[in-house]
PDB file of N, CA and C in Angstrom:
ATOM      1  N   MET A   1      -1.762  22.665  17.076  1.00  0.00           N
ATOM      2  CA  MET A   1      -0.343  21.618  16.998  1.00  0.00           C
ATOM      3  C   MET A   1      -0.848  21.263  18.843  1.00  0.00           C
ATOM      4  N   SER A   2      -1.022  21.869  19.400  1.00  0.00           N
ATOM      5  CA  SER A   2      -1.612  21.883  21.300  1.00  0.00           C
ATOM      6  C   SER A   2      -2.394  20.504  21.011  1.00  0.00           C
ATOM      7  N   LYS A   3      -3.248  21.008  20.236  1.00  0.00           N
ATOM      8  CA  LYS A   3      -4.386  19.995  20.321  1.00  0.00           C
ATOM      9  C   LYS A   3      -4.206  18.160  19.531  1.00  0.00           C
ATOM     10  N   ILE A   4      -3.163  18.453  18.511  1.00  0.00           N
ATOM     11  CA  ILE A   4      -2.264  17.651  18.488  1.00  0.00           C
ATOM     12  C   ILE A   4      -1.429  16.531  19.495  1.00  0.00           C
ATOM     13  N   LEU A   5      -0.955  17.011  20.506  1.00  0.00           N
ATOM     14  CA  LEU A   5       0.052  17.093  21.311  1.00  0.00           C
ATOM     15  C   LEU A   5      -0.717  16.268  22.136  1.00  0.00           C
ATOM     16  N   ASP A   6      -2.286  16.959  22.310  1.00  0.00           N
ATOM     17  CA  ASP A   6      -2.513  16.674  23.519  1.00  0.00           C
ATOM     18  C   ASP A   6      -3.426  15.533  23.197  1.00  0.00           C
ATOM     19  N   ALA A   7      -3.527  14.894  22.263  1.00  0.00           N
ATOM     20  CA  ALA A   7      -3.835  13.347  21.780  1.00  0.00           C
ATOM     21  C   ALA A   7      -3.111  12.473  21.426  1.00  0.00           C
ATOM     22  N   ILE A   8      -1.905  12.475  22.055  1.00  0.00           N
ATOM     23  CA  ILE A   8      -0.798  11.449  21.817  1.00  0.00           C
ATOM     24  C   ILE A   8      -0.110  11.211  23.625  1.00  0.00           C
ATOM     25  N   LYS A   9      -0.598  10.165  23.831  1.00  0.00           N
ATOM     26  CA  LYS A   9      -0.100   9.757  25.276  1.00  0.00           C
ATOM     27  C   LYS A   9       1.422   9.480  25.514  1.00  0.00           C
ATOM     28  N   PHE A  10       2.314  10.629  25.755  1.00  0.00           N
ATOM     29  CA  PHE A  10       3.740  10.290  25.741  1.00  0.00           C
ATOM     30  C   PHE A  10       3.803   9.621  27.474  1.00  0.00           C
ATOM     31  N   ASN A  11       5.106   8.136  27.634  1.00  0.00           N
ATOM     32  CA  ASN A  11       5.013   7.732  28.349  1.00  0.00           C
ATOM     33  C   ASN A  11       5.769   8.255  29.548  1.00  0.00           C
ATOM     34  N   ASP A  12       5.976   8.097  30.739  1.00  0.00           N
ATOM     35  CA  ASP A  12       7.133   8.591  31.442  1.00  0.00           C
ATOM     36  C   ASP A  12       8.288   9.472  31.251  1.00  0.00           C
ATOM     37  N   ASN A  13       8.913   8.837  30.266  1.00  0.00           N
ATOM     38  CA  ASN A  13       9.918   9.231  29.416  1.00  0.00           C
ATOM     39  C   ASN A  13       9.612  10.542  28.338  1.00  0.00           C
ATOM     40  N   GLY A  14       8.524  10.636  28.279  1.00  0.00           N
ATOM     41  CA  GLY A  14       8.110  11.969  27.141  1.00  0.00           C
ATOM     42  C   GLY A  14       8.023  10.954  26.000  1.00  0.00           C
ATOM     43  N   LEU A  15       8.040  10.011  25.933  1.00  0.00           N
ATOM     44  CA  LEU A  15       7.866   9.526  24.281  1.00  0.00           C
ATOM     45  C   LEU A  15       6.544   8.501  24.200  1.00  0.00           C
ATOM     46  N   VAL A  16       6.812   8.535  22.568  1.00  0.00           N
ATOM     47  CA  VAL A  16       5.892   7.504  22.001  1.00  0.00           C
ATOM     48  C   VAL A  16       6.541   6.459  21.109  1.00  0.00           C
ATOM     49  N   ALA A  17       5.822   5.458  20.997  1.00  0.00           N
ATOM     50  CA  ALA A  17       6.308   4.391  19.893  1.00  0.00           C
ATOM     51  C   ALA A  17       5.383   5.243  19.086  1.00  0.00           C
ATOM     52  N   ALA A  18       6.645   4.636  17.116  1.00  0.00           N
ATOM     53  CA  ALA A  18       6.196   5.511  16.285  1.00  0.00           C
ATOM     54  C   ALA A  18       6.502   4.338  14.752  1.00  0.00           C
ATOM     55  N   ILE A  19       5.901   3.757  14.637  1.00  0.00           N
ATOM     56  CA  ILE A  19       6.103   3.009  13.671  1.00  0.00           C
ATOM     57  C   ILE A  19       6.111   3.064  12.295  1.00  0.00           C
ATOM     58  N   ALA A  20       7.182   3.254  11.401  1.00  0.00           N
ATOM     59  CA  ALA A  20       7.254   3.712   9.980  1.00  0.00           C
ATOM     60  C   ALA A  20       6.702   2.568   9.210  1.00  0.00           C
ATOM     61  N   GLN A  21       5.951   3.017   8.140  1.00  0.00           N
ATOM     62  CA  GLN A  21       5.730   2.266   7.467  1.00  0.00           C
ATOM     63  C   GLN A  21       5.648   2.939   6.066  1.00  0.00           C
ATOM     64  N   GLN A  22       5.972   2.199   4.412  1.00  0.00           N
ATOM     65  CA  GLN A  22       6.087   2.436   3.609  1.00  0.00           C
ATOM     66  C   GLN A  22       4.708   3.387   2.903  1.00  0.00           C
ATOM     67  N   HIS A  23       4.162   4.169   2.665  1.00  0.00           N
ATOM     68  CA  HIS A  23       3.074   4.828   2.349  1.00  0.00           C
ATOM     69  C   HIS A  23       2.392   3.604   1.174  1.00  0.00           C
ATOM     70  N   ASP A  24       2.468   3.493  -0.225  1.00  0.00           N
ATOM     71  CA  ASP A  24       2.324   2.848  -1.219  1.00  0.00           C
ATOM     72  C   ASP A  24       2.244   1.394  -1.052  1.00  0.00           C
ATOM     73  N   THR A  25       3.046   0.965  -0.235  1.00  0.00           N
ATOM     74  CA  THR A  25       3.102  -0.746  -0.481  1.00  0.00           C
ATOM     75  C   THR A  25       2.512  -1.025   0.611  1.00  0.00           C
ATOM     76  N   GLY A  26       2.752  -0.518   2.086  1.00  0.00           N
ATOM     77  CA  GLY A  26       2.674  -1.184   3.417  1.00  0.00           C
ATOM     78  C   GLY A  26       3.456  -2.336   4.264  1.00  0.00           C
ATOM     79  N   GLU A  27       4.564  -2.526   3.348  1.00  0.00           N
ATOM     80  CA  GLU A  27       6.210  -2.653   4.266  1.00  0.00           C
ATOM     81  C   GLU A  27       5.922  -1.827   5.566  1.00  0.00           C
ATOM     82  N   VAL A  28       6.443  -2.566   7.174  1.00  0.00           N
ATOM     83  CA  VAL A  28       6.594  -1.969   8.114  1.00  0.00           C
ATOM     84  C   VAL A  28       7.990  -1.877   7.885  1.00  0.00           C
ATOM     85  N   LEU A  29       8.578  -0.678   8.092  1.00  0.00           N
ATOM     86  CA  LEU A  29      10.082  -0.459   8.076  1.00  0.00           C
ATOM     87  C   LEU A  29      10.982  -0.573   9.368  1.00  0.00           C
ATOM     88  N   MET A  30      10.140   0.073  10.346  1.00  0.00           N
ATOM     89  CA  MET A  30      10.880   0.155  11.636  1.00  0.00           C
ATOM     90  C   MET A  30      10.118   0.686  12.547  1.00  0.00           C
ATOM     91  N   LEU A  31      10.452   0.874  13.546  1.00  0.00           N
ATOM     92  CA  LEU A  31       9.693   1.580  15.005  1.00  0.00           C
ATOM     93  C   LEU A  31      10.951   2.137  15.882  1.00  0.00           C
ATOM     94  N   ALA A  32      10.714   3.832  16.200  1.00  0.00           N
ATOM     95  CA  ALA A  32      11.553   4.236  16.445  1.00  0.00           C
ATOM     96  C   ALA A  32      10.775   5.332  17.586  1.00  0.00           C
ATOM     97  N   TRP A  33      11.015   6.319  18.135  1.00  0.00           N
ATOM     98  CA  TRP A  33      10.654   7.010  19.242  1.00  0.00           C
ATOM     99  C   TRP A  33      10.421   7.827  19.388  1.00  0.00           C
ATOM    100  N   MET A  34       9.528   8.879  19.463  1.00  0.00           N
ATOM    101  CA  MET A  34       9.382  10.282  19.158  1.00  0.00           C
ATOM    102  C   MET A  34       8.921  11.385  20.787  1.00  0.00           C
ATOM    103  N   ASN A  35       9.719  12.110  20.419  1.00  0.00           N
ATOM    104  CA  ASN A  35       9.230  13.116  22.014  1.00  0.00           C
ATOM    105  C   ASN A  35       7.646  14.602  21.208  1.00  0.00           C
ATOM    106  N   PRO A  36       7.626  15.454  22.169  1.00  0.00           N
ATOM    107  CA  PRO A  36       6.615  16.042  21.491  1.00  0.00           C
ATOM    108  C   PRO A  36       7.307  17.226  20.850  1.00  0.00           C
ATOM    109  N   GLU A  37       8.980  17.200  21.044  1.00  0.00           N
ATOM    110  CA  GLU A  37       9.134  18.452  20.040  1.00  0.00           C
ATOM    111  C   GLU A  37       9.894  17.325  18.799  1.00  0.00           C
ATOM    112  N   SER A  38      10.436  16.520  18.299  1.00  0.00           N
ATOM    113  CA  SER A  38      10.156  15.855  17.406  1.00  0.00           C
ATOM    114  C   SER A  38       8.617  15.395  16.569  1.00  0.00           C
ATOM    115  N   VAL A  39       7.776  15.477  17.064  1.00  0.00           N
ATOM    116  CA  VAL A  39       6.317  15.370  16.694  1.00  0.00           C
ATOM    117  C   VAL A  39       6.363  16.905  16.000  1.00  0.00           C
ATOM    118  N   GLU A  40       6.620  17.516  16.643  1.00  0.00           N
ATOM    119  CA  GLU A  40       6.283  19.090  16.022  1.00  0.00           C
ATOM    120  C   GLU A  40       7.488  19.127  15.366  1.00  0.00           C
ATOM    121  N   GLU A  41       8.740  19.148  14.949  1.00  0.00           N
ATOM    122  CA  GLU A  41       9.374  19.112  13.750  1.00  0.00           C
ATOM    123  C   GLU A  41       8.790  18.073  12.195  1.00  0.00           C
ATOM    124  N   THR A  42       8.803  17.222  13.205  1.00  0.00           N
ATOM    125  CA  THR A  42       7.700  16.198  11.432  1.00  0.00           C
ATOM    126  C   THR A  42       6.891  16.880  10.879  1.00  0.00           C
ATOM    127  N   LEU A  43       5.805  17.308  11.428  1.00  0.00           N
ATOM    128  CA  LEU A  43       4.028  18.171  11.676  1.00  0.00           C
ATOM    129  C   LEU A  43       5.336  19.148  10.474  1.00  0.00           C
ATOM    130  N   ALA A  44       6.253  20.289  10.814  1.00  0.00           N
ATOM    131  CA  ALA A  44       6.529  21.343  10.306  1.00  0.00           C
ATOM    132  C   ALA A  44       7.231  20.865   9.102  1.00  0.00           C
ATOM    133  N   THR A  45       7.816  20.220   8.824  1.00  0.00           N
ATOM    134  CA  THR A  45       9.096  20.094   8.016  1.00  0.00           C
ATOM    135  C   THR A  45       8.528  19.265   6.950  1.00  0.00           C
ATOM    136  N   GLY A  46       7.383  18.192   7.676  1.00  0.00           N
ATOM    137  CA  GLY A  46       7.573  17.102   6.181  1.00  0.00           C
ATOM    138  C   GLY A  46       8.217  16.078   6.255  1.00  0.00           C
ATOM    139  N   GLN A  47       9.911  16.049   7.230  1.00  0.00           N
ATOM    140  CA  GLN A  47      10.497  14.917   7.036  1.00  0.00           C
ATOM    141  C   GLN A  47      10.845  14.426   9.074  1.00  0.00           C
ATOM    142  N   VAL A  48      10.880  13.210   8.664  1.00  0.00           N
ATOM    143  CA  VAL A  48      10.734  12.026   9.645  1.00  0.00           C
ATOM    144  C   VAL A  48      11.877  12.716  10.831  1.00  0.00           C
ATOM    145  N   CYS A  49      11.428  13.123  11.513  1.00  0.00           N
ATOM    146  CA  CYS A  49      12.681  13.530  13.510  1.00  0.00           C
ATOM    147  C   CYS A  49      12.376  12.522  13.913  1.00  0.00           C
ATOM    148  N   TYR A  50      13.046  11.722  14.947  1.00  0.00           N
ATOM    149  CA  TYR A  50      12.712  10.878  15.891  1.00  0.00           C
ATOM    150  C   TYR A  50      13.379  11.493  17.272  1.00  0.00           C
ATOM    151  N   PHE A  51      13.504  10.943  18.370  1.00  0.00           N
ATOM    152  CA  PHE A  51      14.287  10.987  19.699  1.00  0.00           C
ATOM    153  C   PHE A  51      15.157   9.764  19.614  1.00  0.00           C
ATOM    154  N   SER A  52      16.370  10.176  19.662  1.00  0.00           N
ATOM    155  CA  SER A  52      17.078   9.057  19.815  1.00  0.00           C
ATOM    156  C   SER A  52      17.584   8.491  21.383  1.00  0.00           C
ATOM    157  N   ARG A  53      16.824   7.350  22.256  1.00  0.00           N
ATOM    158  CA  ARG A  53      17.118   7.352  23.216  1.00  0.00           C
ATOM    159  C   ARG A  53      18.258   7.186  23.780  1.00  0.00           C
ATOM    160  N   SER A  54      19.124   6.546  22.719  1.00  0.00           N
ATOM    161  CA  SER A  54      20.855   5.931  23.262  1.00  0.00           C
ATOM    162  C   SER A  54      21.722   7.709  23.496  1.00  0.00           C
ATOM    163  N   ARG A  55      21.432   8.775  22.134  1.00  0.00           N
ATOM    164  CA  ARG A  55      22.346  10.104  22.400  1.00  0.00           C
ATOM    165  C   ARG A  55      21.271  11.057  22.865  1.00  0.00           C
ATOM    166  N   GLN A  56      19.984  10.844  23.355  1.00  0.00           N
ATOM    167  CA  GLN A  56      19.214  11.550  24.036  1.00  0.00           C
ATOM    168  C   GLN A  56      18.918  12.791  23.737  1.00  0.00           C
ATOM    169  N   LYS A  57      18.928  13.045  22.167  1.00  0.00           N
ATOM    170  CA  LYS A  57      18.798  13.920  21.384  1.00  0.00           C
ATOM    171  C   LYS A  57      17.901  13.774  20.074  1.00  0.00           C
ATOM    172  N   LEU A  58      17.281  14.865  19.459  1.00  0.00           N
ATOM    173  CA  LEU A  58      16.785  14.780  18.262  1.00  0.00           C
ATOM    174  C   LEU A  58      17.638  13.876  16.956  1.00  0.00           C
ATOM    175  N   TRP A  59      16.929  12.994  15.880  1.00  0.00           N
ATOM    176  CA  TRP A  59      17.833  11.849  15.434  1.00  0.00           C
ATOM    177  C   TRP A  59      16.477  12.471  14.100  1.00  0.00           C
ATOM    178  N   ARG A  60      17.363  12.858  12.689  1.00  0.00           N
ATOM    179  CA  ARG A  60      16.427  13.396  12.158  1.00  0.00           C
ATOM    180  C   ARG A  60      17.229  12.380  10.736  1.00  0.00           C
ATOM    181  N   LYS A  61      15.954  11.680  10.588  1.00  0.00           N
ATOM    182  CA  LYS A  61      16.031  10.190  10.159  1.00  0.00           C
ATOM    183  C   LYS A  61      16.976  10.632   8.500  1.00  0.00           C
ATOM    184  N   GLY A  62      18.015  10.184   8.543  1.00  0.00           N
ATOM    185  CA  GLY A  62      19.130  10.557   6.865  1.00  0.00           C
ATOM    186  C   GLY A  62      19.567  11.016   7.179  1.00  0.00           C
ATOM    187  N   GLU A  63      20.103  12.041   8.194  1.00  0.00           N
ATOM    188  CA  GLU A  63      20.644  13.188   8.260  1.00  0.00           C
ATOM    189  C   GLU A  63      22.288  12.656   8.044  1.00  0.00           C
ATOM    190  N   THR A  64      22.954  11.454   8.818  1.00  0.00           N
ATOM    191  CA  THR A  64      23.876  11.183   8.357  1.00  0.00           C
ATOM    192  C   THR A  64      24.475   9.616   6.872  1.00  0.00           C
ATOM    193  N   SER A  65      23.111   9.833   6.968  1.00  0.00           N
ATOM    194  CA  SER A  65      23.001   7.939   5.907  1.00  0.00           C
ATOM    195  C   SER A  65      22.849   8.300   4.238  1.00  0.00           C
ATOM    196  N   GLY A  66      21.835   9.749   4.220  1.00  0.00           N
ATOM    197  CA  GLY A  66      20.830  10.276   3.276  1.00  0.00           C
ATOM    198  C   GLY A  66      19.869   9.570   3.070  1.00  0.00           C
ATOM    199  N   GLN A  67      19.401   8.165   3.575  1.00  0.00           N
ATOM    200  CA  GLN A  67      18.758   7.327   3.604  1.00  0.00           C
ATOM    201  C   GLN A  67      17.031   8.271   4.106  1.00  0.00           C
ATOM    202  N   GLN A  68      16.194   9.607   3.549  1.00  0.00           N
ATOM    203  CA  GLN A  68      15.433  10.283   4.303  1.00  0.00           C
ATOM    204  C   GLN A  68      13.992   9.147   4.667  1.00  0.00           C
ATOM    205  N   GLN A  69      13.436   9.696   5.056  1.00  0.00           N
ATOM    206  CA  GLN A  69      11.941   9.544   4.991  1.00  0.00           C
ATOM    207  C   GLN A  69      11.231  10.695   5.326  1.00  0.00           C
ATOM    208  N   LYS A  70      10.166  11.147   3.697  1.00  0.00           N
ATOM    209  CA  LYS A  70       9.603  12.031   4.138  1.00  0.00           C
ATOM    210  C   LYS A  70       8.007  11.623   4.584  1.00  0.00           C
ATOM    211  N   LEU A  71       7.283  12.608   5.085  1.00  0.00           N
ATOM    212  CA  LEU A  71       6.129  12.186   6.235  1.00  0.00           C
ATOM    213  C   LEU A  71       4.666  12.042   5.199  1.00  0.00           C
ATOM    214  N   VAL A  72       3.944  11.260   5.126  1.00  0.00           N
ATOM    215  CA  VAL A  72       2.765  11.317   4.107  1.00  0.00           C
ATOM    216  C   VAL A  72       2.312  12.083   4.934  1.00  0.00           C
ATOM    217  N   GLU A  73       1.485  10.879   6.243  1.00  0.00           N
ATOM    218  CA  GLU A  73       0.768  10.895   6.921  1.00  0.00           C
ATOM    219  C   GLU A  73       0.895  10.274   8.384  1.00  0.00           C
ATOM    220  N   MET A  74       0.428  11.249   9.577  1.00  0.00           N
ATOM    221  CA  MET A  74       0.383  10.230  10.485  1.00  0.00           C
ATOM    222  C   MET A  74      -0.354  10.296  11.229  1.00  0.00           C
ATOM    223  N   ARG A  75      -0.574   8.720  11.785  1.00  0.00           N
ATOM    224  CA  ARG A  75      -1.881   8.001  13.086  1.00  0.00           C
ATOM    225  C   ARG A  75      -1.733   7.826  13.913  1.00  0.00           C
ATOM    226  N   ILE A  76      -2.265   8.600  14.765  1.00  0.00           N
ATOM    227  CA  ILE A  76      -2.523   8.251  16.226  1.00  0.00           C
ATOM    228  C   ILE A  76      -3.590   7.177  16.514  1.00  0.00           C
ATOM    229  N   ASP A  77      -2.706   5.493  17.092  1.00  0.00           N
ATOM    230  CA  ASP A  77      -3.647   4.991  17.611  1.00  0.00           C
ATOM    231  C   ASP A  77      -4.783   5.588  18.323  1.00  0.00           C
ATOM    232  N   CYS A  78      -5.956   3.915  18.653  1.00  0.00           N
ATOM    233  CA  CYS A  78      -7.075   4.220  19.192  1.00  0.00           C
ATOM    234  C   CYS A  78      -6.608   4.678  21.010  1.00  0.00           C
ATOM    235  N   ASP A  79      -5.565   4.271  21.158  1.00  0.00           N
ATOM    236  CA  ASP A  79      -5.505   4.589  22.929  1.00  0.00           C
ATOM    237  C   ASP A  79      -4.593   6.282  22.719  1.00  0.00           C
ATOM    238  N   GLY A  80      -3.547   6.186  22.028  1.00  0.00           N
ATOM    239  CA  GLY A  80      -2.941   7.924  21.617  1.00  0.00           C
ATOM    240  C   GLY A  80      -1.913   6.575  21.934  1.00  0.00           C
ATOM    241  N   ASP A  81      -1.246   5.995  22.452  1.00  0.00           N
ATOM    242  CA  ASP A  81       0.436   5.440  23.128  1.00  0.00           C
ATOM    243  C   ASP A  81       0.811   5.331  21.884  1.00  0.00           C
ATOM    244  N   THR A  82       0.693   5.338  20.238  1.00  0.00           N
ATOM    245  CA  THR A  82       1.330   4.516  19.347  1.00  0.00           C
ATOM    246  C   THR A  82       0.995   5.957  18.089  1.00  0.00           C
ATOM    247  N   LEU A  83       2.252   6.013  17.575  1.00  0.00           N
ATOM    248  CA  LEU A  83       1.759   6.761  16.305  1.00  0.00           C
ATOM    249  C   LEU A  83       2.530   5.449  15.283  1.00  0.00           C
ATOM    250  N   LEU A  84       1.813   6.034  14.165  1.00  0.00           N
ATOM    251  CA  LEU A  84       1.770   5.008  12.473  1.00  0.00           C
ATOM    252  C   LEU A  84       2.060   6.223  11.717  1.00  0.00           C
ATOM    253  N   LEU A  85       3.537   6.129  11.296  1.00  0.00           N
ATOM    254  CA  LEU A  85       3.851   7.126   9.875  1.00  0.00           C
ATOM    255  C   LEU A  85       3.918   6.498   9.124  1.00  0.00           C
ATOM    256  N   LEU A  86       2.953   7.105   8.081  1.00  0.00           N
ATOM    257  CA  LEU A  86       3.141   6.739   6.514  1.00  0.00           C
ATOM    258  C   LEU A  86       4.315   7.414   5.813  1.00  0.00           C
ATOM    259  N   VAL A  87       5.224   6.974   5.446  1.00  0.00           N
ATOM    260  CA  VAL A  87       6.074   7.640   4.570  1.00  0.00           C
ATOM    261  C   VAL A  87       6.876   7.539   3.379  1.00  0.00           C
ATOM    262  N   ASP A  88       6.989   8.210   2.960  1.00  0.00           N
ATOM    263  CA  ASP A  88       8.287   7.997   1.677  1.00  0.00           C
ATOM    264  C   ASP A  88       9.786   7.624   2.226  1.00  0.00           C
ATOM    265  N   GLN A  89      10.242   5.726   2.236  1.00  0.00           N
ATOM    266  CA  GLN A  89      10.966   6.543   2.497  1.00  0.00           C
ATOM    267  C   GLN A  89      12.444   6.209   1.125  1.00  0.00           C
ATOM    268  N   LYS A  90      13.351   6.960   1.111  1.00  0.00           N
ATOM    269  CA  LYS A  90      14.568   6.958   0.379  1.00  0.00           C
ATOM    270  C   LYS A  90      15.492   6.212   0.801  1.00  0.00           C
ATOM    271  N   GLY A  91      15.835   4.988  -0.269  1.00  0.00           N
ATOM    272  CA  GLY A  91      16.949   4.345   0.039  1.00  0.00           C
ATOM    273  C   GLY A  91      16.507   3.181   1.530  1.00  0.00           C
ATOM    274  N   VAL A  92      17.327   2.588   1.826  1.00  0.00           N
ATOM    275  CA  VAL A  92      16.973   1.721   3.237  1.00  0.00           C
ATOM    276  C   VAL A  92      16.455   2.671   4.211  1.00  0.00           C
ATOM    277  N   ALA A  93      15.676   1.593   5.580  1.00  0.00           N
ATOM    278  CA  ALA A  93      15.887   2.606   6.172  1.00  0.00           C
ATOM    279  C   ALA A  93      16.338   2.299   7.954  1.00  0.00           C
ATOM    280  N   CYS A  94      17.355   0.414   7.589  1.00  0.00           N
ATOM    281  CA  CYS A  94      17.748   0.302   8.823  1.00  0.00           C
ATOM    282  C   CYS A  94      19.369   0.659   8.530  1.00  0.00           C
ATOM    283  N   HIS A  95      19.731   0.598   9.874  1.00  0.00           N
ATOM    284  CA  HIS A  95      21.015   1.123  10.036  1.00  0.00           C
ATOM    285  C   HIS A  95      21.736  -0.214   9.759  1.00  0.00           C
ATOM    286  N   THR A  96      21.749  -1.342   9.206  1.00  0.00           N
ATOM    287  CA  THR A  96      22.485  -2.096   8.615  1.00  0.00           C
ATOM    288  C   THR A  96      22.083  -2.282   7.360  1.00  0.00           C
ATOM    289  N   GLY A  97      21.242  -1.507   6.514  1.00  0.00           N
ATOM    290  CA  GLY A  97      21.430  -2.128   4.552  1.00  0.00           C
ATOM    291  C   GLY A  97      20.732  -1.998   4.688  1.00  0.00           C
ATOM    292  N   ARG A  98      19.839  -2.630   5.307  1.00  0.00           N
ATOM    293  CA  ARG A  98      18.649  -3.507   5.153  1.00  0.00           C
ATOM    294  C   ARG A  98      17.592  -2.762   4.377  1.00  0.00           C
ATOM    295  N   ARG A  99      16.360  -3.047   3.790  1.00  0.00           N
ATOM    296  CA  ARG A  99      15.458  -1.792   3.461  1.00  0.00           C
ATOM    297  C   ARG A  99      14.381  -1.889   4.826  1.00  0.00           C
ATOM    298  N   ASN A 100      14.483  -3.135   6.032  1.00  0.00           N
ATOM    299  CA  ASN A 100      13.400  -2.501   6.635  1.00  0.00           C
ATOM    300  C   ASN A 100      14.160  -3.213   7.812  1.00  0.00           C
ATOM    301  N   CYS A 101      13.883  -2.538   9.054  1.00  0.00           N
ATOM    302  CA  CYS A 101      14.736  -3.569  10.670  1.00  0.00           C
ATOM    303  C   CYS A 101      14.331  -4.643  10.820  1.00  0.00           C
ATOM    304  N   PHE A 102      13.347  -5.281   9.883  1.00  0.00           N
ATOM    305  CA  PHE A 102      12.740  -6.808  10.023  1.00  0.00           C
ATOM    306  C   PHE A 102      13.493  -7.785   9.662  1.00  0.00           C
ATOM    307  N   TYR A 103      14.434  -8.068   9.582  1.00  0.00           N
ATOM    308  CA  TYR A 103      14.851  -9.078   8.427  1.00  0.00           C
ATOM    309  C   TYR A 103      15.069 -10.369   9.187  1.00  0.00           C
ATOM    310  N   THR A 104      14.661 -10.886  10.806  1.00  0.00           N
ATOM    311  CA  THR A 104      14.915 -11.727  11.619  1.00  0.00           C
ATOM    312  C   THR A 104      14.182 -12.348  11.417  1.00  0.00           C
ATOM    313  N   ALA A 105      13.631 -13.939  11.062  1.00  0.00           N
ATOM    314  CA  ALA A 105      12.042 -14.416  11.709  1.00  0.00           C
ATOM    315  C   ALA A 105      12.567 -15.640  12.327  1.00  0.00           C
ATOM    316  N   VAL A 106      11.467 -15.517  13.205  1.00  0.00           N
ATOM    317  CA  VAL A 106      11.602 -17.231  13.881  1.00  0.00           C
ATOM    318  C   VAL A 106      10.428 -18.298  13.497  1.00  0.00           C
ATOM    319  N   ARG A 107      11.196 -19.168  12.325  1.00  0.00           N
ATOM    320  CA  ARG A 107      11.025 -20.173  11.439  1.00  0.00           C
ATOM    321  C   ARG A 107      11.272 -21.717  12.398  1.00  0.00           C
ATOM    322  N   ASN A 108      10.292 -22.334  12.724  1.00  0.00           N
ATOM    323  CA  ASN A 108      10.590 -24.272  13.567  1.00  0.00           C
ATOM    324  C   ASN A 108      11.369 -23.169  14.641  1.00  0.00           C
ATOM    325  N   GLY A 109      10.839 -22.318  15.071  1.00  0.00           N
ATOM    326  CA  GLY A 109      12.281 -22.459  16.433  1.00  0.00           C
ATOM    327  C   GLY A 109      13.410 -21.853  16.453  1.00  0.00           C
ATOM    328  N   GLU A 110      13.945 -20.965  15.295  1.00  0.00           N
ATOM    329  CA  GLU A 110      14.959 -20.756  15.086  1.00  0.00           C
ATOM    330  C   GLU A 110      15.060 -19.555  14.270  1.00  0.00           C
ATOM    331  N   LEU A 111      15.988 -18.784  14.283  1.00  0.00           N
ATOM    332  CA  LEU A 111      15.932 -17.395  13.923  1.00  0.00           C
ATOM    333  C   LEU A 111      17.184 -17.921  12.590  1.00  0.00           C
ATOM    334  N   VAL A 112      16.019 -17.138  11.443  1.00  0.00           N
ATOM    335  CA  VAL A 112      16.587 -16.929   9.639  1.00  0.00           C
ATOM    336  C   VAL A 112      16.430 -15.796   9.530  1.00  0.00           C
ATOM    337  N   GLU A 113      18.062 -15.423   8.614  1.00  0.00           N
ATOM    338  CA  GLU A 113      18.083 -13.812   8.316  1.00  0.00           C
ATOM    339  C   GLU A 113      17.215 -14.435   6.965  1.00  0.00           C
ATOM    340  N   VAL A 114      16.527 -13.169   6.901  1.00  0.00           N
ATOM    341  CA  VAL A 114      15.311 -13.286   5.703  1.00  0.00           C
ATOM    342  C   VAL A 114      15.176 -11.867   4.691  1.00  0.00           C
ATOM    343  N   ALA A 115      16.093 -11.014   5.287  1.00  0.00           N
ATOM    344  CA  ALA A 115      16.714  -9.812   3.711  1.00  0.00           C
ATOM    345  C   ALA A 115      18.161 -10.487   4.296  1.00  0.00           C
ATOM    346  N   LYS A 116      19.473  -9.895   3.133  1.00  0.00           N
ATOM    347  CA  LYS A 116      20.391  -9.352   2.980  1.00  0.00           C
ATOM    348  C   LYS A 116      20.407  -7.665   3.083  1.00  0.00           C
ATOM    349  N   PRO A 117      21.390  -7.637   3.989  1.00  0.00           N
ATOM    350  CA  PRO A 117      21.878  -5.891   3.381  1.00  0.00           C
ATOM    351  C   PRO A 117      21.768  -5.596   1.879  1.00  0.00           C
ATOM    352  N   GLU A 118      21.346  -3.972   1.671  1.00  0.00           N
ATOM    353  CA  GLU A 118      21.666  -3.825   0.144  1.00  0.00           C
ATOM    354  C   GLU A 118      22.457  -2.600  -0.114  1.00  0.00           C
ATOM    355  N   ILE A 119      23.203  -2.064   1.449  1.00  0.00           N
ATOM    356  CA  ILE A 119      24.031  -1.604   1.089  1.00  0.00           C
ATOM    357  C   ILE A 119      24.992  -1.797   2.607  1.00  0.00           C
ATOM    358  N   ALA A 120      26.199  -1.696   2.419  1.00  0.00           N
ATOM    359  CA  ALA A 120      26.308  -2.028   3.377  1.00  0.00           C
ATOM    360  C   ALA A 120      27.098  -0.380   4.208  1.00  0.00           C
ATOM    361  N   PRO A 121      26.513  -1.033   5.902  1.00  0.00           N
ATOM    362  CA  PRO A 121      26.439   0.014   6.895  1.00  0.00           C
ATOM    363  C   PRO A 121      27.957   1.187   6.835  1.00  0.00           C
ATOM    364  N   GLU A 122      29.045  -0.068   6.501  1.00  0.00           N
ATOM    365  CA  GLU A 122      29.812   1.374   5.755  1.00  0.00           C
ATOM    366  C   GLU A 122      30.124   2.488   5.066  1.00  0.00           C
ATOM    367  N   THR A 123      29.158   2.335   4.282  1.00  0.00           N
ATOM    368  CA  THR A 123      28.681   3.106   3.160  1.00  0.00           C
ATOM    369  C   THR A 123      27.627   4.276   3.303  1.00  0.00           C
ATOM    370  N   LEU A 124      26.911   3.381   4.479  1.00  0.00           N
ATOM    371  CA  LEU A 124      25.652   4.330   4.621  1.00  0.00           C
ATOM    372  C   LEU A 124      26.695   5.787   5.244  1.00  0.00           C
ATOM    373  N   TYR A 125      27.369   4.915   6.418  1.00  0.00           N
ATOM    374  CA  TYR A 125      27.921   6.041   7.181  1.00  0.00           C
ATOM    375  C   TYR A 125      29.040   6.650   7.674  1.00  0.00           C
ATOM    376  N   GLY A 126      29.770   6.527   6.312  1.00  0.00           N
ATOM    377  CA  GLY A 126      31.190   6.902   5.460  1.00  0.00           C
ATOM    378  C   GLY A 126      32.287   6.064   6.558  1.00  0.00           C
ATOM    379  N   HIS A 127      31.622   5.218   7.449  1.00  0.00           N
ATOM    380  CA  HIS A 127      32.932   4.329   8.726  1.00  0.00           C
ATOM    381  C   HIS A 127      32.909   3.031   8.520  1.00  0.00           C
TER     382      HIS A 127
END
C-alpha cells in the first residue's frame, strides 16, 4: 500500500482529485477528493470512499443515499496528482438526483440544463 500512496501526489491539504467514470460506458460521473485513508479504504473494500472537505471526514459514497460506487480500477495520472476511478455506479452519482454531476452546459454564452433529476434528493436522503 505504501508504494501506491507514494505514487500519489497529495496537495498541501493532504488531498488528491478523484474523477469517477462509469467503467463500461465512459460516462464521467463526478469529481471528488480523496486523502490517504480514503484511498486505502477504497482499495481494501472495493467500495469507493472519498474525503468530504465540507464535513472534514471520510465520505463513503452511498452510505446515506444507497447510491454506491463499486471500484473496478483505480488509475493514477502521469503527474500523480489526479486519480481516475473506473466504477460501477449503482443509481445516480449526483446529490441532486442526476446520473452525473455535469448537467449544466455552456452553450452560446448561456447556461443550459442538459439533464433532469432521475430521483428527488428528498427521496435519496430522507429529508
